[in-house]
Amino acid sequence: MALYTYHATDMSGKPVRGSMEARDEGALVARLQEMGYFPISVGRVEDRGVGLAGGAGSYLRGLLFGRIPDRDLINFTEQLYGLVEAGLPIDRALAVLADIEENQALEGIIRKLHGGLRDGGSLADSMAKHPGTFSDTYVSLVRAGEASGTLEAVLMRLRSYLEERRRIREEIVSALIYPAILVAVGGGAVALMLLFVVPRFALIFADMGGALPLPTRALLWLSRWLRGYWWVVPAFAATAGLVLAYGLRTDSGRLWLDRLRLRVPVTGMLYSKVVAARFFRTLGILLQSGLPLIEALRIARDTMGNRAMAGEVDSVIEGVRRGRGLASPLKESGRFPPLSAHMLSVGEEAGNLDEMLVRLAGIYERDVGTAVKRLLALMEPAIILAMAVLVGFIVVSLLLAVFSLNDIPM
């Protein structure tokens, strides 16, 4: 037996919170239903520390960056699904969620959604008024669910989609933490040596002039330049950042950057698979929710995040409109991995295109995950080796100068 906390509502829709011992989450849910409650969320008490820490971090990120954190949006989607599945009308479900939501920013948005429903609007229309929280994909799926009467299934797919996207993003970020620390620590050590250690040796070698070895002279010049013009480095970085930011405000600048991302050796291929996986998963979920193929293609195109690949989808849409199917125009675009056309062709012949799209997205996501792990495994020793070479160059340059002292005529 373990201790669980729960959020639920009673028959009148009033929020109820508490704790209870149960064998597992399923047993707790069954017990709550026997008591006449509608469970919203449950969690083990041992896990609350992690959850609270994550919730606090999410709340702080929401305050700092002005957006609803992914974790909170996932919880909202899961809880809304649970209430709708339990039989509560959507307006009452939103009222309950607004009462129990701890993130004040999200609570305000939920109350606005509830107000939009009471004014006669649809849930999708209300969500569309908050594009910073609900993406086009999210809104389109909800609209399709409302139109087809399958909102419960749509919310379940949305929750899985958001959770998978968050998991992949967190895995990549976590994998990059150690290399970033290596670069920061190693770069800081080299900078300290050039700014404070090498100048002390420069005083000793001041009268040696041309007798200094070439590596030592180069090292001393670099140290003097860095001490006198250190401000050039941050100034150059800031200028480059401003120029890049200004260029990315234009369509041509963003298109240039998206094309560059696809052409970078090694990582360009991985990036194209990431974009393709996002496109295929979104398209598959949209088709499973009942949207027509052309409309689903347009929505999935706008969520790709790469204008170069998204531009190729326009030709795919035109091919579908002419009755050529999806696989053939996709293959002719040349932007998507070759495997996709073959698998989608099989999906079209078997009549399960939506399932094949989701399966294909999973294949690419696993390939990218494996490739990123291998790349990072190679990157870590490469960074250590590069830092060792830099430090070794500094040490050897100083030692060469010390050894050359014997060659100076007294």
Protein backbone atom coordinates (compact mmCIF):
# COMPACT_ATOMS: atom_id res chain seq x y z
CA MET A 1 0.00 0.00 0.00
CA ALA A 2 1.16 3.52 -0.80
CA LEU A 3 -0.13 6.96 0.06
CA TYR A 4 -1.61 8.96 -2.83
CA THR A 5 -2.97 12.48 -3.15
CA TYR A 6 -5.86 13.20 -5.48
CA HIS A 7 -7.85 15.99 -7.14
CA ALA A 8 -11.45 15.17 -7.95
CA THR A 9 -14.95 16.64 -8.16
CA ASP A 10 -18.15 15.51 -6.52
CA MET A 11 -21.49 15.02 -8.25
CA SER A 12 -22.20 18.77 -8.17
CA GLY A 13 -18.85 19.64 -9.73
CA LYS A 14 -17.28 20.95 -6.50
CA PRO A 15 -13.48 20.41 -6.32
CA VAL A 16 -12.30 17.86 -3.76
CA ARG A 17 -8.71 17.28 -2.64
CA GLY A 18 -7.31 14.72 -0.25
CA SER A 19 -5.04 11.75 0.31
CA MET A 20 -5.71 8.03 0.57
CA GLU A 21 -3.79 4.77 0.77
CA ALA A 22 -4.19 2.42 -2.18
CA ARG A 23 -2.44 -0.48 -3.89
CA ASP A 24 -1.87 1.54 -7.07
CA GLU A 25 -3.34 4.43 -9.04
CA GLY A 26 -5.98 2.23 -10.66
CA ALA A 27 -7.24 1.06 -7.29
CA LEU A 28 -7.38 4.64 -6.04
CA VAL A 29 -9.38 5.77 -9.08
CA ALA A 30 -11.82 2.90 -8.62
CA ARG A 31 -12.21 3.75 -4.93
CA LEU A 32 -12.89 7.42 -5.71
CA GLN A 33 -15.51 6.48 -8.30
CA GLU A 34 -17.22 4.24 -5.73
CA MET A 35 -17.36 7.26 -3.42
CA GLY A 36 -19.13 9.26 -6.14
CA TYR A 37 -16.14 11.38 -7.14
CA PHE A 38 -14.83 12.16 -10.61
CA PRO A 39 -10.99 11.80 -10.46
CA ILE A 40 -8.97 14.54 -12.17
CA SER A 41 -5.40 13.65 -11.18
CA VAL A 42 -3.66 11.37 -8.70
CA GLY A 43 -0.04 11.03 -7.60
CA ARG A 44 2.07 9.19 -5.06
CA VAL A 45 3.19 11.22 -2.06
CA GLU A 46 6.82 10.13 -2.61
CA ASP A 47 6.73 11.81 -6.02
CA ARG A 48 5.35 15.10 -4.77
CA GLY A 49 8.75 16.58 -4.03
CA VAL A 50 9.83 16.21 -7.62
CA GLY A 51 6.48 17.38 -8.87
CA LEU A 52 6.49 20.46 -6.68
CA ALA A 53 10.00 21.33 -7.73
CA GLY A 54 9.08 20.91 -11.34
CA GLY A 55 5.91 22.92 -10.81
CA ALA A 56 7.84 25.74 -9.16
CA GLY A 57 10.35 25.72 -11.98
CA SER A 58 7.56 25.76 -14.53
CA TYR A 59 5.88 28.64 -12.76
CA LEU A 60 9.09 30.65 -12.67
CA ARG A 61 9.70 29.96 -16.37
CA GLY A 62 6.18 31.14 -17.11
CA LEU A 63 6.78 34.38 -15.23
CA LEU A 64 10.18 35.00 -16.81
CA PHE A 65 9.37 34.14 -20.41
CA GLY A 66 5.68 35.03 -20.57
CA ARG A 67 4.43 31.63 -21.72
CA ILE A 68 2.70 28.63 -20.22
CA PRO A 69 5.25 25.84 -19.55
CA ASP A 70 4.77 22.58 -21.43
CA ARG A 71 4.33 20.63 -18.19
CA ASP A 72 1.37 22.78 -17.14
CA LEU A 73 -0.24 22.56 -20.58
CA ILE A 74 0.12 18.77 -20.52
CA ASN A 75 -1.49 18.61 -17.08
CA PHE A 76 -4.34 20.83 -18.25
CA THR A 77 -4.96 18.61 -21.29
CA GLU A 78 -4.84 15.43 -19.23
CA GLN A 79 -7.16 16.79 -16.55
CA LEU A 80 -9.62 18.14 -19.12
CA TYR A 81 -9.64 14.72 -20.79
CA GLY A 82 -10.33 13.03 -17.46
CA LEU A 83 -13.27 15.28 -16.66
CA VAL A 84 -14.82 15.07 -20.13
CA GLU A 85 -14.43 11.28 -20.11
CA ALA A 86 -16.13 11.19 -16.70
CA GLY A 87 -19.18 12.84 -18.26
CA LEU A 88 -18.86 16.46 -17.16
CA PRO A 89 -19.94 19.10 -19.70
CA ILE A 90 -17.00 21.01 -21.09
CA ASP A 91 -18.01 24.31 -19.42
CA ARG A 92 -18.24 22.70 -15.97
CA ALA A 93 -14.95 20.90 -16.56
CA LEU A 94 -13.23 24.22 -17.33
CA ALA A 95 -14.75 25.82 -14.22
CA VAL A 96 -13.37 22.98 -12.08
CA LEU A 97 -9.92 23.22 -13.65
CA ALA A 98 -9.83 26.98 -13.11
CA ASP A 99 -10.54 26.46 -9.40
CA ILE A 100 -7.73 23.96 -8.87
CA GLU A 101 -5.08 25.42 -11.22
CA GLU A 102 -2.00 26.64 -9.33
CA ASN A 103 -0.41 28.55 -12.22
CA GLN A 104 -2.12 31.94 -12.10
CA ALA A 105 -1.41 32.71 -15.76
CA LEU A 106 -2.97 29.44 -16.92
CA GLU A 107 -5.86 29.90 -14.49
CA GLY A 108 -6.67 33.22 -16.14
CA ILE A 109 -6.62 31.62 -19.58
CA ILE A 110 -8.90 28.78 -18.44
CA ARG A 111 -11.39 31.27 -17.05
CA LYS A 112 -11.35 33.11 -20.38
CA LEU A 113 -12.02 29.80 -22.16
CA HIS A 114 -14.92 29.20 -19.79
CA GLY A 115 -16.25 32.69 -20.45
CA GLY A 116 -16.02 32.14 -24.21
CA LEU A 117 -18.11 28.98 -23.92
CA ARG A 118 -20.74 30.72 -21.81
CA ASP A 119 -20.95 33.45 -24.46
CA GLY A 120 -21.87 30.83 -27.05
CA GLY A 121 -18.48 30.25 -28.67
CA SER A 122 -16.71 26.96 -29.21
CA LEU A 123 -13.72 25.73 -27.22
CA ALA A 124 -11.48 25.84 -30.29
CA ASP A 125 -12.46 29.45 -31.07
CA SER A 126 -11.70 30.46 -27.48
CA MET A 127 -8.33 28.69 -27.60
CA ALA A 128 -7.47 30.39 -30.89
CA LYS A 129 -7.50 33.73 -29.02
CA HIS A 130 -4.45 32.55 -27.03
CA PRO A 131 -1.91 31.56 -29.73
CA GLY A 132 0.98 31.84 -27.26
CA THR A 133 -0.49 28.95 -25.26
CA PHE A 134 -2.43 26.85 -27.77
CA SER A 135 -0.69 26.18 -31.08
CA ASP A 136 -2.45 25.93 -34.43
CA THR A 137 -2.18 22.15 -34.19
CA TYR A 138 -3.80 22.14 -30.76
CA VAL A 139 -6.66 24.39 -31.86
CA SER A 140 -7.26 22.47 -35.09
CA LEU A 141 -7.41 19.14 -33.28
CA VAL A 142 -9.85 20.47 -30.70
CA ARG A 143 -12.01 21.96 -33.48
CA ALA A 144 -12.02 18.61 -35.29
CA GLY A 145 -12.93 16.82 -32.05
CA GLU A 146 -15.82 19.19 -31.38
CA ALA A 147 -17.14 18.83 -34.93
CA SER A 148 -16.94 15.03 -34.96
CA GLY A 149 -18.01 14.45 -31.34
CA THR A 150 -14.68 12.80 -30.48
CA LEU A 151 -13.24 15.46 -28.17
CA GLU A 152 -12.25 12.84 -25.58
CA ALA A 153 -10.12 10.90 -28.07
CA VAL A 154 -8.60 14.12 -29.43
CA LEU A 155 -7.60 15.28 -25.94
CA MET A 156 -6.01 11.89 -25.26
CA ARG A 157 -3.97 12.11 -28.49
CA LEU A 158 -3.02 15.71 -27.72
CA ARG A 159 -1.75 14.75 -24.31
CA SER A 160 0.41 11.97 -25.76
CA TYR A 161 1.66 14.28 -28.52
CA LEU A 162 2.64 17.05 -26.08
CA GLU A 163 4.27 14.60 -23.67
CA GLU A 164 6.33 13.00 -26.43
CA ARG A 165 7.45 16.39 -27.73
CA ARG A 166 8.46 17.49 -24.23
CA ARG A 167 10.33 14.23 -23.58
CA ILE A 168 12.41 14.57 -26.75
CA ARG A 169 13.23 18.22 -26.02
CA GLU A 170 14.28 17.45 -22.44
CA GLU A 171 16.43 14.51 -23.52
CA ILE A 172 18.34 16.73 -25.97
CA VAL A 173 18.75 19.54 -23.44
CA SER A 174 19.92 17.12 -20.74
CA ALA A 175 22.42 15.54 -23.11
CA LEU A 176 23.88 18.97 -23.95
CA ILE A 177 24.43 20.04 -20.34
CA TYR A 178 27.71 18.17 -19.81
CA PRO A 179 29.37 19.32 -23.07
CA ALA A 180 28.29 22.88 -22.30
CA ILE A 181 29.88 22.68 -18.86
CA LEU A 182 33.08 21.31 -20.39
CA VAL A 183 33.26 24.19 -22.87
CA ALA A 184 32.53 26.79 -20.20
CA VAL A 185 35.05 25.45 -17.69
CA GLY A 186 37.75 24.78 -20.28
CA GLY A 187 37.28 28.13 -22.00
CA GLY A 188 37.34 29.91 -18.64
CA ALA A 189 40.58 28.17 -17.68
CA VAL A 190 42.26 29.15 -20.96
CA ALA A 191 41.06 32.75 -20.61
CA LEU A 192 42.41 32.98 -17.05
CA MET A 193 45.81 31.68 -18.17
CA LEU A 194 45.99 34.20 -21.03
CA LEU A 195 44.84 37.13 -18.89
CA PHE A 196 46.69 36.50 -15.64
CA VAL A 197 49.30 33.72 -15.88
CA VAL A 198 50.99 34.48 -19.20
CA PRO A 199 51.48 38.23 -18.43
CA ARG A 200 53.59 37.30 -15.39
CA PHE A 201 55.90 35.29 -17.61
CA ALA A 202 55.93 38.17 -20.10
CA LEU A 203 57.68 40.31 -17.48
CA ILE A 204 60.42 37.70 -17.18
CA PHE A 205 60.85 37.47 -20.96
CA ALA A 206 60.65 41.25 -21.51
CA ASP A 207 64.32 41.64 -22.36
CA MET A 208 64.63 38.52 -24.49
CA GLY A 209 63.32 40.18 -27.69
CA GLY A 210 63.85 38.16 -30.83
CA ALA A 211 65.41 35.29 -28.92
CA LEU A 212 61.96 34.08 -27.95
CA PRO A 213 60.65 31.06 -29.89
CA LEU A 214 57.86 31.73 -32.38
CA PRO A 215 55.15 29.92 -30.34
CA THR A 216 56.05 32.01 -27.29
CA ARG A 217 55.97 35.28 -29.25
CA ALA A 218 52.54 34.33 -30.65
CA LEU A 219 51.27 33.46 -27.18
CA LEU A 220 52.51 36.74 -25.67
CA TRP A 221 50.98 38.72 -28.53
CA LEU A 222 47.64 36.98 -28.02
CA SER A 223 47.80 37.66 -24.27
CA ARG A 224 48.61 41.36 -24.81
CA TRP A 225 45.84 41.73 -27.38
CA LEU A 226 43.31 40.02 -25.13
CA ARG A 227 44.24 42.20 -22.14
CA GLY A 228 44.09 45.40 -24.15
CA TYR A 229 41.15 44.65 -26.44
CA TRP A 230 39.10 42.11 -24.49
CA TRP A 231 36.01 44.26 -25.11
CA VAL A 232 36.23 43.44 -28.83
CA VAL A 233 35.07 39.85 -28.17
CA PRO A 234 31.73 40.68 -26.45
CA ALA A 235 31.25 43.66 -28.80
CA PHE A 236 31.68 41.41 -31.84
CA ALA A 237 29.36 38.77 -30.34
CA ALA A 238 26.71 41.39 -29.57
CA THR A 239 26.98 42.92 -33.04
CA ALA A 240 26.75 39.54 -34.72
CA GLY A 241 23.75 38.68 -32.57
CA LEU A 242 21.98 41.92 -33.48
CA VAL A 243 22.69 41.47 -37.18
CA LEU A 244 21.44 37.89 -37.03
CA ALA A 245 18.34 38.90 -35.06
CA TYR A 246 17.57 41.67 -37.56
CA GLY A 247 18.11 39.34 -40.50
CA LEU A 248 15.83 36.70 -39.00
CA ARG A 249 13.00 39.21 -38.87
CA THR A 250 12.82 39.09 -42.66
CA ASP A 251 11.42 36.20 -44.65
CA SER A 252 14.58 35.91 -46.74
CA GLY A 253 16.75 35.82 -43.60
CA ARG A 254 14.72 33.07 -41.95
CA LEU A 255 14.66 31.09 -45.18
CA TRP A 256 18.45 31.43 -45.50
CA LEU A 257 18.97 30.17 -41.94
CA ASP A 258 16.57 27.25 -42.43
CA ARG A 259 18.40 26.19 -45.58
CA LEU A 260 21.74 26.50 -43.79
CA ARG A 261 20.53 24.22 -40.99
CA LEU A 262 19.71 21.54 -43.55
CA ARG A 263 23.11 21.82 -45.29
CA VAL A 264 25.37 21.57 -42.25
CA PRO A 265 27.32 18.29 -42.45
CA VAL A 266 26.12 15.50 -40.12
CA THR A 267 23.74 17.66 -38.07
CA GLY A 268 21.85 18.78 -41.18
CA MET A 269 20.63 15.24 -41.82
CA LEU A 270 19.61 14.85 -38.18
CA TYR A 271 17.79 18.18 -38.26
CA SER A 272 15.87 17.20 -41.39
CA LYS A 273 14.71 14.04 -39.61
CA VAL A 274 13.58 16.08 -36.61
CA VAL A 275 11.50 18.37 -38.84
CA ALA A 276 10.13 15.40 -40.80
CA ALA A 277 9.18 13.56 -37.59
CA ARG A 278 7.34 16.62 -36.31
CA PHE A 279 5.51 16.96 -39.62
CA PHE A 280 4.54 13.29 -39.88
CA ARG A 281 3.39 12.99 -36.26
CA THR A 282 1.25 16.13 -36.50
CA LEU A 283 -0.22 15.02 -39.83
CA GLY A 284 -0.99 11.56 -38.50
CA ILE A 285 -2.77 12.91 -35.41
CA LEU A 286 -4.76 15.33 -37.53
CA LEU A 287 -5.89 12.53 -39.86
CA GLN A 288 -6.78 10.30 -36.89
CA SER A 289 -8.95 13.14 -35.59
CA GLY A 290 -10.97 13.24 -38.81
CA LEU A 291 -9.49 16.20 -40.71
CA PRO A 292 -9.32 15.97 -44.52
CA LEU A 293 -5.85 15.28 -45.90
CA ILE A 294 -5.35 18.64 -47.64
CA GLU A 295 -6.44 20.63 -44.60
CA ALA A 296 -4.27 18.44 -42.35
CA LEU A 297 -1.28 19.01 -44.66
CA ARG A 298 -1.70 22.77 -44.44
CA ILE A 299 -1.85 22.72 -40.64
CA ALA A 300 1.08 20.29 -40.31
CA ARG A 301 3.11 22.43 -42.74
CA ASP A 302 2.74 25.47 -40.50
CA THR A 303 4.06 23.54 -37.47
CA MET A 304 7.27 22.25 -39.10
CA GLY A 305 9.48 25.11 -37.97
CA ASN A 306 11.59 25.10 -41.15
CA ARG A 307 10.54 27.26 -44.08
CA ALA A 308 12.71 25.43 -46.60
CA MET A 309 11.01 22.09 -45.94
CA ALA A 310 7.61 23.69 -45.41
CA GLY A 311 7.84 25.25 -48.87
CA GLU A 312 8.13 21.78 -50.39
CA VAL A 313 4.85 20.77 -48.75
CA ASP A 314 3.03 23.22 -51.04
CA SER A 315 3.96 21.06 -54.02
CA VAL A 316 2.87 17.98 -52.06
CA ILE A 317 -0.51 19.59 -51.38
CA GLU A 318 -0.88 20.38 -55.07
CA GLY A 319 -0.07 16.76 -55.94
CA VAL A 320 -2.67 15.49 -53.47
CA ARG A 321 -5.25 17.88 -54.91
CA ARG A 322 -4.60 16.39 -58.36
CA GLY A 323 -5.25 12.90 -57.02
CA ARG A 324 -1.64 11.67 -56.99
CA GLY A 325 -1.73 10.63 -53.36
CA LEU A 326 0.80 11.63 -50.69
CA ALA A 327 3.79 9.34 -51.21
CA SER A 328 4.62 10.24 -54.81
CA PRO A 329 4.68 14.06 -54.43
CA LEU A 330 6.59 13.68 -51.17
CA LYS A 331 9.28 11.63 -52.90
CA GLU A 332 9.59 14.15 -55.73
CA SER A 333 10.14 17.03 -53.28
CA GLY A 334 13.56 15.61 -52.38
CA ARG A 335 13.51 17.22 -48.92
CA PHE A 336 12.23 14.27 -46.91
CA PRO A 337 14.21 11.12 -46.01
CA PRO A 338 13.82 8.40 -48.67
CA LEU A 339 12.24 5.90 -46.26
CA SER A 340 9.17 8.11 -45.80
CA ALA A 341 7.92 7.77 -49.39
CA HIS A 342 8.13 3.97 -49.31
CA MET A 343 6.35 3.60 -45.97
CA LEU A 344 3.64 6.09 -46.88
CA SER A 345 3.08 4.30 -50.17
CA VAL A 346 2.46 1.09 -48.22
CA GLY A 347 0.15 3.00 -45.85
CA GLU A 348 -1.90 4.36 -48.74
CA GLU A 349 -2.26 0.91 -50.30
CA ALA A 350 -3.25 -0.65 -46.96
CA GLY A 351 -5.64 2.17 -46.07
CA ASN A 352 -3.92 3.03 -42.78
CA LEU A 353 -2.05 6.19 -43.76
CA ASP A 354 -2.65 7.87 -40.40
CA GLU A 355 -1.13 4.98 -38.46
CA MET A 356 1.81 4.77 -40.86
CA LEU A 357 2.52 8.49 -40.41
CA VAL A 358 2.67 8.16 -36.62
CA ARG A 359 4.83 5.02 -36.93
CA LEU A 360 7.17 6.79 -39.33
CA ALA A 361 7.51 9.72 -36.93
CA GLY A 362 8.44 7.30 -34.17
CA ILE A 363 11.12 5.71 -36.37
CA TYR A 364 12.73 9.07 -37.12
CA GLU A 365 12.53 10.18 -33.49
CA ARG A 366 14.31 7.02 -32.35
CA ASP A 367 16.93 7.42 -35.09
CA VAL A 368 17.57 11.00 -34.06
CA GLY A 369 17.77 10.07 -30.39
CA THR A 370 20.31 7.34 -31.07
CA ALA A 371 22.36 9.55 -33.40
CA VAL A 372 22.39 12.44 -30.91
CA LYS A 373 23.61 10.15 -28.14
CA ARG A 374 26.41 8.86 -30.35
CA LEU A 375 27.33 12.37 -31.46
CA LEU A 376 27.47 13.62 -27.89
CA ALA A 377 29.49 10.59 -26.85
CA LEU A 378 32.08 11.61 -29.47
CA MET A 379 31.77 15.32 -28.66
CA GLU A 380 32.75 14.99 -25.01
CA PRO A 381 36.24 13.49 -25.59
CA ALA A 382 36.71 15.85 -28.56
CA ILE A 383 36.07 18.87 -26.31
CA ILE A 384 38.42 17.51 -23.65
CA LEU A 385 41.10 16.89 -26.29
CA ALA A 386 40.68 20.40 -27.75
CA MET A 387 41.02 21.99 -24.31
CA ALA A 388 44.04 19.82 -23.56
CA VAL A 389 45.67 20.95 -26.81
CA LEU A 390 45.07 24.63 -25.97
CA VAL A 391 46.42 24.30 -22.44
CA GLY A 392 49.30 22.19 -23.72
CA PHE A 393 50.17 24.86 -26.31
CA ILE A 394 50.31 27.51 -23.58
CA VAL A 395 52.50 25.37 -21.31
CA VAL A 396 54.84 24.25 -24.09
CA SER A 397 55.21 27.83 -25.38
CA LEU A 398 56.25 29.00 -21.91
CA LEU A 399 58.61 26.07 -21.43
CA LEU A 400 60.28 26.70 -24.79
CA ALA A 401 60.98 30.26 -23.69
CA VAL A 402 62.41 29.07 -20.37
CA PHE A 403 64.68 26.56 -22.13
CA SER A 404 65.84 29.22 -24.56
CA LEU A 405 67.19 31.33 -21.66
CA ASN A 406 70.43 29.36 -21.96
CA ASP A 407 70.84 30.57 -25.53
CA ILE A 408 70.71 34.28 -24.66
CA PRO A 409 74.18 35.97 -24.69
CA MET A 410 74.92 37.48 -21.30
